[in-house]
Amino acid sequence: GTRKARRVRWGRPSQAAAQSNGQAMPERCSLPGLAQPPRCGSIEVPENPAHPQGRRLQIGVAVVPAKKDRAHSDPIVVLMGGPGEAAIVEAAYYAQQFDALLADRDLLLVDQRGTGRSNALRCQLYSPEAPATSLRDIFPVDVAQRCAQRLQQQADLTQYTYAHFARDLEHVRRTLGYGPLNLFGGSYGTRA
């Protein structure tokens, strides 16, 4: 049988409920290199699902809508590499790569927790003043330890795993009213 096409509607009851729970649902935004205006926003999740009343994270979301008025309910979702690469900054690249598929499917980009627009955790591991040293010592232990200590002041680092990102992605899928997801993984994303 053929599958009925439908467009995900912004402002559905599930999204209205999400907005009343502090969710910043996707609204028109501007991302470099996109001809068609995407929708960007964030969806709130607990940092630690075992403690839902604890610290909250805003998971960054961008949707490049299908070109046709009606879209299938199964968007294309990119699982980035790294781990640690953000998806939203690559919107133009993936919109071009999946151009033919975007005729009747949305492109859903979700920054993994700890990257991009999802509570980015950043470490300055390399010294621009000493590039040769940085090449010899790719992950300097003392610098990484200092960074981890600093980041532990603002985040529970045990909660920034792919298992939690998978849970976040499922929450995003349900909140936005999507059906099954078409996953495209690169590098670490293929393992995830």
C-alpha atoms as a PDB file:
ATOM      1  CA  GLY A   1       0.000   0.000   0.000  1.00  0.00           C
ATOM      2  CA  THR A   2       0.926   3.600  -0.322  1.00  0.00           C
ATOM      3  CA  ARG A   3       1.635   5.665   2.703  1.00  0.00           C
ATOM      4  CA  LYS A   4      -0.349   8.842   3.212  1.00  0.00           C
ATOM      5  CA  ALA A   5       1.723  11.979   3.201  1.00  0.00           C
ATOM      6  CA  ARG A   6       1.198  14.554   5.885  1.00  0.00           C
ATOM      7  CA  ARG A   7       3.001  17.666   6.975  1.00  0.00           C
ATOM      8  CA  VAL A   8       4.014  18.096  10.551  1.00  0.00           C
ATOM      9  CA  ARG A   9       2.034  21.095  11.732  1.00  0.00           C
ATOM     10  CA  TRP A  10       3.675  23.545  14.073  1.00  0.00           C
ATOM     11  CA  GLY A  11       1.340  24.349  16.915  1.00  0.00           C
ATOM     12  CA  ARG A  12      -0.293  20.903  17.178  1.00  0.00           C
ATOM     13  CA  PRO A  13      -1.821  20.102  20.562  1.00  0.00           C
ATOM     14  CA  SER A  14       1.293  18.174  21.612  1.00  0.00           C
ATOM     15  CA  GLN A  15       3.397  21.221  20.787  1.00  0.00           C
ATOM     16  CA  ALA A  16       1.052  23.574  22.589  1.00  0.00           C
ATOM     17  CA  ALA A  17       1.378  21.315  25.638  1.00  0.00           C
ATOM     18  CA  ALA A  18       5.144  21.317  25.197  1.00  0.00           C
ATOM     19  CA  GLN A  19       5.193  25.112  25.020  1.00  0.00           C
ATOM     20  CA  SER A  20       3.255  25.318  28.279  1.00  0.00           C
ATOM     21  CA  ASN A  21       5.943  23.069  29.811  1.00  0.00           C
ATOM     22  CA  GLY A  22       8.740  25.489  28.892  1.00  0.00           C
ATOM     23  CA  GLN A  23       9.533  24.157  25.416  1.00  0.00           C
ATOM     24  CA  ALA A  24      10.707  26.631  22.787  1.00  0.00           C
ATOM     25  CA  MET A  25       9.143  25.070  19.722  1.00  0.00           C
ATOM     26  CA  PRO A  26      10.650  25.586  16.294  1.00  0.00           C
ATOM     27  CA  GLU A  27       9.864  28.920  14.661  1.00  0.00           C
ATOM     28  CA  ARG A  28      11.116  30.418  11.412  1.00  0.00           C
ATOM     29  CA  CYS A  29      14.784  31.228  11.642  1.00  0.00           C
ATOM     30  CA  SER A  30      17.758  31.878   9.429  1.00  0.00           C
ATOM     31  CA  LEU A  31      20.626  29.474   8.872  1.00  0.00           C
ATOM     32  CA  PRO A  32      23.426  30.277   6.402  1.00  0.00           C
ATOM     33  CA  GLY A  33      23.209  28.764   2.929  1.00  0.00           C
ATOM     34  CA  LEU A  34      19.568  27.683   3.000  1.00  0.00           C
ATOM     35  CA  ALA A  35      17.188  28.971   0.353  1.00  0.00           C
ATOM     36  CA  GLN A  36      14.128  27.652   2.171  1.00  0.00           C
ATOM     37  CA  PRO A  37      13.625  29.123   5.658  1.00  0.00           C
ATOM     38  CA  PRO A  38      14.056  26.490   8.352  1.00  0.00           C
ATOM     39  CA  ARG A  39      12.434  26.377  11.772  1.00  0.00           C
ATOM     40  CA  CYS A  40      14.658  26.441  14.833  1.00  0.00           C
ATOM     41  CA  GLY A  41      14.032  26.057  18.524  1.00  0.00           C
ATOM     42  CA  SER A  42      14.796  23.973  21.542  1.00  0.00           C
ATOM     43  CA  ILE A  43      13.103  21.225  23.466  1.00  0.00           C
ATOM     44  CA  GLU A  44      13.736  20.870  27.172  1.00  0.00           C
ATOM     45  CA  VAL A  45      14.818  17.556  28.690  1.00  0.00           C
ATOM     46  CA  PRO A  46      16.196  16.575  32.094  1.00  0.00           C
ATOM     47  CA  GLU A  47      19.969  16.339  32.154  1.00  0.00           C
ATOM     48  CA  ASN A  48      19.603  13.137  34.176  1.00  0.00           C
ATOM     49  CA  PRO A  49      16.423  11.193  33.294  1.00  0.00           C
ATOM     50  CA  ALA A  50      16.604   9.437  36.688  1.00  0.00           C
ATOM     51  CA  HIS A  51      16.195  12.873  38.334  1.00  0.00           C
ATOM     52  CA  PRO A  52      13.590  14.675  36.191  1.00  0.00           C
ATOM     53  CA  GLN A  53      13.279  17.548  38.684  1.00  0.00           C
ATOM     54  CA  GLY A  54      17.016  18.310  38.490  1.00  0.00           C
ATOM     55  CA  ARG A  55      19.005  20.377  36.023  1.00  0.00           C
ATOM     56  CA  ARG A  56      17.330  20.851  32.625  1.00  0.00           C
ATOM     57  CA  LEU A  57      18.901  21.025  29.158  1.00  0.00           C
ATOM     58  CA  GLN A  58      17.678  22.826  26.058  1.00  0.00           C
ATOM     59  CA  ILE A  59      18.159  20.499  23.073  1.00  0.00           C
ATOM     60  CA  GLY A  60      18.704  22.550  19.895  1.00  0.00           C
ATOM     61  CA  VAL A  61      16.496  21.567  16.963  1.00  0.00           C
ATOM     62  CA  ALA A  62      16.266  22.783  13.355  1.00  0.00           C
ATOM     63  CA  VAL A  63      13.842  21.567  10.707  1.00  0.00           C
ATOM     64  CA  VAL A  64      14.411  22.188   7.008  1.00  0.00           C
ATOM     65  CA  PRO A  65      10.887  21.638   5.697  1.00  0.00           C
ATOM     66  CA  ALA A  66      10.041  19.515   2.678  1.00  0.00           C
ATOM     67  CA  LYS A  67       9.610  21.472  -0.551  1.00  0.00           C
ATOM     68  CA  LYS A  68       6.090  20.189  -1.196  1.00  0.00           C
ATOM     69  CA  ASP A  69       3.110  21.338   0.825  1.00  0.00           C
ATOM     70  CA  ARG A  70       2.593  17.830   2.116  1.00  0.00           C
ATOM     71  CA  ALA A  71       5.456  15.873   3.633  1.00  0.00           C
ATOM     72  CA  HIS A  72       5.745  12.307   4.794  1.00  0.00           C
ATOM     73  CA  SER A  73       5.853  11.915   8.560  1.00  0.00           C
ATOM     74  CA  ASP A  74       9.285  10.253   8.480  1.00  0.00           C
ATOM     75  CA  PRO A  75      11.987  12.948   8.343  1.00  0.00           C
ATOM     76  CA  ILE A  76      15.644  12.474   7.539  1.00  0.00           C
ATOM     77  CA  VAL A  77      17.793  12.756  10.680  1.00  0.00           C
ATOM     78  CA  VAL A  78      21.567  13.138  10.638  1.00  0.00           C
ATOM     79  CA  LEU A  79      23.632  11.493  13.388  1.00  0.00           C
ATOM     80  CA  MET A  80      26.861  13.456  13.464  1.00  0.00           C
ATOM     81  CA  GLY A  81      30.402  12.258  14.037  1.00  0.00           C
ATOM     82  CA  GLY A  82      32.912  13.006  16.687  1.00  0.00           C
ATOM     83  CA  PRO A  83      31.440  12.384  19.150  1.00  0.00           C
ATOM     84  CA  GLY A  84      31.030  16.076  19.609  1.00  0.00           C
ATOM     85  CA  GLU A  85      29.965  17.476  16.244  1.00  0.00           C
ATOM     86  CA  ALA A  86      26.857  19.646  16.115  1.00  0.00           C
ATOM     87  CA  ALA A  87      24.263  19.048  13.383  1.00  0.00           C
ATOM     88  CA  ILE A  88      22.503  22.416  13.026  1.00  0.00           C
ATOM     89  CA  VAL A  89      25.582  24.280  11.767  1.00  0.00           C
ATOM     90  CA  GLU A  90      25.729  21.771   8.893  1.00  0.00           C
ATOM     91  CA  ALA A  91      22.148  22.444   7.724  1.00  0.00           C
ATOM     92  CA  ALA A  92      23.134  23.827   4.297  1.00  0.00           C
ATOM     93  CA  TYR A  93      25.465  20.908   3.594  1.00  0.00           C
ATOM     94  CA  TYR A  94      22.848  18.263   4.403  1.00  0.00           C
ATOM     95  CA  ALA A  95      20.052  20.158   2.661  1.00  0.00           C
ATOM     96  CA  GLN A  96      22.171  20.064  -0.488  1.00  0.00           C
ATOM     97  CA  GLN A  97      23.184  16.422   0.002  1.00  0.00           C
ATOM     98  CA  PHE A  98      19.561  15.302   0.476  1.00  0.00           C
ATOM     99  CA  ASP A  99      18.022  17.794  -1.963  1.00  0.00           C
ATOM    100  CA  ALA A 100      16.048  15.202  -3.966  1.00  0.00           C
ATOM    101  CA  LEU A 101      14.752  13.526  -0.799  1.00  0.00           C
ATOM    102  CA  LEU A 102      13.599  16.844   0.649  1.00  0.00           C
ATOM    103  CA  ALA A 103      10.898  17.072  -1.991  1.00  0.00           C
ATOM    104  CA  ASP A 104       8.534  15.241   0.368  1.00  0.00           C
ATOM    105  CA  ARG A 105      10.472  14.807   3.628  1.00  0.00           C
ATOM    106  CA  ASP A 106      11.685  17.219   6.279  1.00  0.00           C
ATOM    107  CA  LEU A 107      15.302  17.310   7.372  1.00  0.00           C
ATOM    108  CA  LEU A 108      15.422  17.191  11.170  1.00  0.00           C
ATOM    109  CA  LEU A 109      18.702  18.330  12.735  1.00  0.00           C
ATOM    110  CA  VAL A 110      19.238  17.841  16.458  1.00  0.00           C
ATOM    111  CA  ASP A 111      22.401  18.915  18.239  1.00  0.00           C
ATOM    112  CA  GLN A 112      23.512  16.156  20.601  1.00  0.00           C
ATOM    113  CA  ARG A 113      23.603  17.185  24.245  1.00  0.00           C
ATOM    114  CA  GLY A 114      26.950  18.822  24.899  1.00  0.00           C
ATOM    115  CA  THR A 115      27.294  20.185  21.331  1.00  0.00           C
ATOM    116  CA  GLY A 116      26.180  23.228  19.364  1.00  0.00           C
ATOM    117  CA  ARG A 117      22.871  24.597  20.674  1.00  0.00           C
ATOM    118  CA  SER A 118      22.440  21.812  23.240  1.00  0.00           C
ATOM    119  CA  ASN A 119      24.414  22.946  26.289  1.00  0.00           C
ATOM    120  CA  ALA A 120      27.735  22.878  24.455  1.00  0.00           C
ATOM    121  CA  LEU A 121      30.641  21.616  26.551  1.00  0.00           C
ATOM    122  CA  ARG A 122      33.860  23.055  25.179  1.00  0.00           C
ATOM    123  CA  CYS A 123      37.499  22.460  26.020  1.00  0.00           C
ATOM    124  CA  GLN A 124      40.406  24.440  24.642  1.00  0.00           C
ATOM    125  CA  LEU A 125      42.828  21.543  24.226  1.00  0.00           C
ATOM    126  CA  TYR A 126      45.137  23.073  21.659  1.00  0.00           C
ATOM    127  CA  SER A 127      47.430  26.040  21.848  1.00  0.00           C
ATOM    128  CA  PRO A 128      47.404  28.373  18.835  1.00  0.00           C
ATOM    129  CA  GLU A 129      50.759  29.670  20.079  1.00  0.00           C
ATOM    130  CA  ALA A 130      52.325  26.174  19.975  1.00  0.00           C
ATOM    131  CA  PRO A 131      50.818  24.261  17.026  1.00  0.00           C
ATOM    132  CA  ALA A 132      53.724  21.789  16.860  1.00  0.00           C
ATOM    133  CA  THR A 133      53.123  20.783  20.488  1.00  0.00           C
ATOM    134  CA  SER A 134      49.411  20.380  19.775  1.00  0.00           C
ATOM    135  CA  LEU A 135      50.191  18.054  16.855  1.00  0.00           C
ATOM    136  CA  ARG A 136      52.471  15.872  19.004  1.00  0.00           C
ATOM    137  CA  ASP A 137      50.084  15.683  21.959  1.00  0.00           C
ATOM    138  CA  ILE A 138      46.584  15.423  20.513  1.00  0.00           C
ATOM    139  CA  PHE A 139      44.818  15.031  23.875  1.00  0.00           C
ATOM    140  CA  PRO A 140      47.059  16.571  26.554  1.00  0.00           C
ATOM    141  CA  VAL A 141      46.048  14.803  29.767  1.00  0.00           C
ATOM    142  CA  ASP A 142      46.617  17.740  32.129  1.00  0.00           C
ATOM    143  CA  VAL A 143      44.600  20.132  29.924  1.00  0.00           C
ATOM    144  CA  ALA A 144      41.784  17.601  29.520  1.00  0.00           C
ATOM    145  CA  GLN A 145      41.662  17.018  33.294  1.00  0.00           C
ATOM    146  CA  ARG A 146      41.480  20.755  34.016  1.00  0.00           C
ATOM    147  CA  CYS A 147      38.718  21.141  31.447  1.00  0.00           C
ATOM    148  CA  ALA A 148      36.742  18.218  32.909  1.00  0.00           C
ATOM    149  CA  GLN A 149      37.009  19.767  36.377  1.00  0.00           C
ATOM    150  CA  ARG A 150      35.765  23.090  35.026  1.00  0.00           C
ATOM    151  CA  LEU A 151      32.877  21.485  33.115  1.00  0.00           C
ATOM    152  CA  GLN A 152      31.789  19.454  36.153  1.00  0.00           C
ATOM    153  CA  GLN A 153      30.810  22.757  37.748  1.00  0.00           C
ATOM    154  CA  GLN A 154      28.079  23.228  35.121  1.00  0.00           C
ATOM    155  CA  ALA A 155      27.209  19.690  34.001  1.00  0.00           C
ATOM    156  CA  ASP A 156      27.030  16.076  35.137  1.00  0.00           C
ATOM    157  CA  LEU A 157      29.439  14.693  32.543  1.00  0.00           C
ATOM    158  CA  THR A 158      28.137  11.139  33.027  1.00  0.00           C
ATOM    159  CA  GLN A 159      24.881  12.258  31.375  1.00  0.00           C
ATOM    160  CA  TYR A 160      26.433  13.248  28.032  1.00  0.00           C
ATOM    161  CA  THR A 161      26.362   9.843  26.351  1.00  0.00           C
ATOM    162  CA  TYR A 162      24.795   8.547  23.194  1.00  0.00           C
ATOM    163  CA  ALA A 163      22.214   6.578  25.175  1.00  0.00           C
ATOM    164  CA  HIS A 164      20.913   9.869  26.554  1.00  0.00           C
ATOM    165  CA  PHE A 165      21.036  11.508  23.125  1.00  0.00           C
ATOM    166  CA  ALA A 166      18.953   8.626  21.753  1.00  0.00           C
ATOM    167  CA  ARG A 167      16.401   9.309  24.498  1.00  0.00           C
ATOM    168  CA  ASP A 168      16.502  13.031  23.634  1.00  0.00           C
ATOM    169  CA  LEU A 169      15.977  12.258  19.950  1.00  0.00           C
ATOM    170  CA  GLU A 170      12.939  10.127  20.754  1.00  0.00           C
ATOM    171  CA  HIS A 171      11.546  12.963  22.893  1.00  0.00           C
ATOM    172  CA  VAL A 172      12.093  15.425  20.024  1.00  0.00           C
ATOM    173  CA  ARG A 173      10.428  13.013  17.567  1.00  0.00           C
ATOM    174  CA  ARG A 174       7.336  12.668  19.743  1.00  0.00           C
ATOM    175  CA  THR A 175       7.143  16.341  20.673  1.00  0.00           C
ATOM    176  CA  LEU A 176       7.250  17.403  17.010  1.00  0.00           C
ATOM    177  CA  GLY A 177       4.735  14.732  16.016  1.00  0.00           C
ATOM    178  CA  TYR A 178       6.961  12.764  13.656  1.00  0.00           C
ATOM    179  CA  GLY A 179       6.652   9.069  12.850  1.00  0.00           C
ATOM    180  CA  PRO A 180       9.644   6.801  12.198  1.00  0.00           C
ATOM    181  CA  LEU A 181      12.976   8.460  11.459  1.00  0.00           C
ATOM    182  CA  ASN A 182      15.258   7.895   8.460  1.00  0.00           C
ATOM    183  CA  LEU A 183      18.722   7.943  10.009  1.00  0.00           C
ATOM    184  CA  PHE A 184      21.903   8.982   8.217  1.00  0.00           C
ATOM    185  CA  GLY A 185      25.084   8.521  10.219  1.00  0.00           C
ATOM    186  CA  GLY A 186      28.587   9.713   9.566  1.00  0.00           C
ATOM    187  CA  SER A 187      31.708   8.478  11.374  1.00  0.00           C
ATOM    188  CA  TYR A 188      30.719   8.156  15.070  1.00  0.00           C
ATOM    189  CA  GLY A 189      27.093   8.531  13.992  1.00  0.00           C
ATOM    190  CA  THR A 190      27.312   5.174  12.208  1.00  0.00           C
ATOM    191  CA  ARG A 191      28.344   3.536  15.474  1.00  0.00           C
ATOM    192  CA  ALA A 192      25.631   5.359  17.387  1.00  0.00           C
END
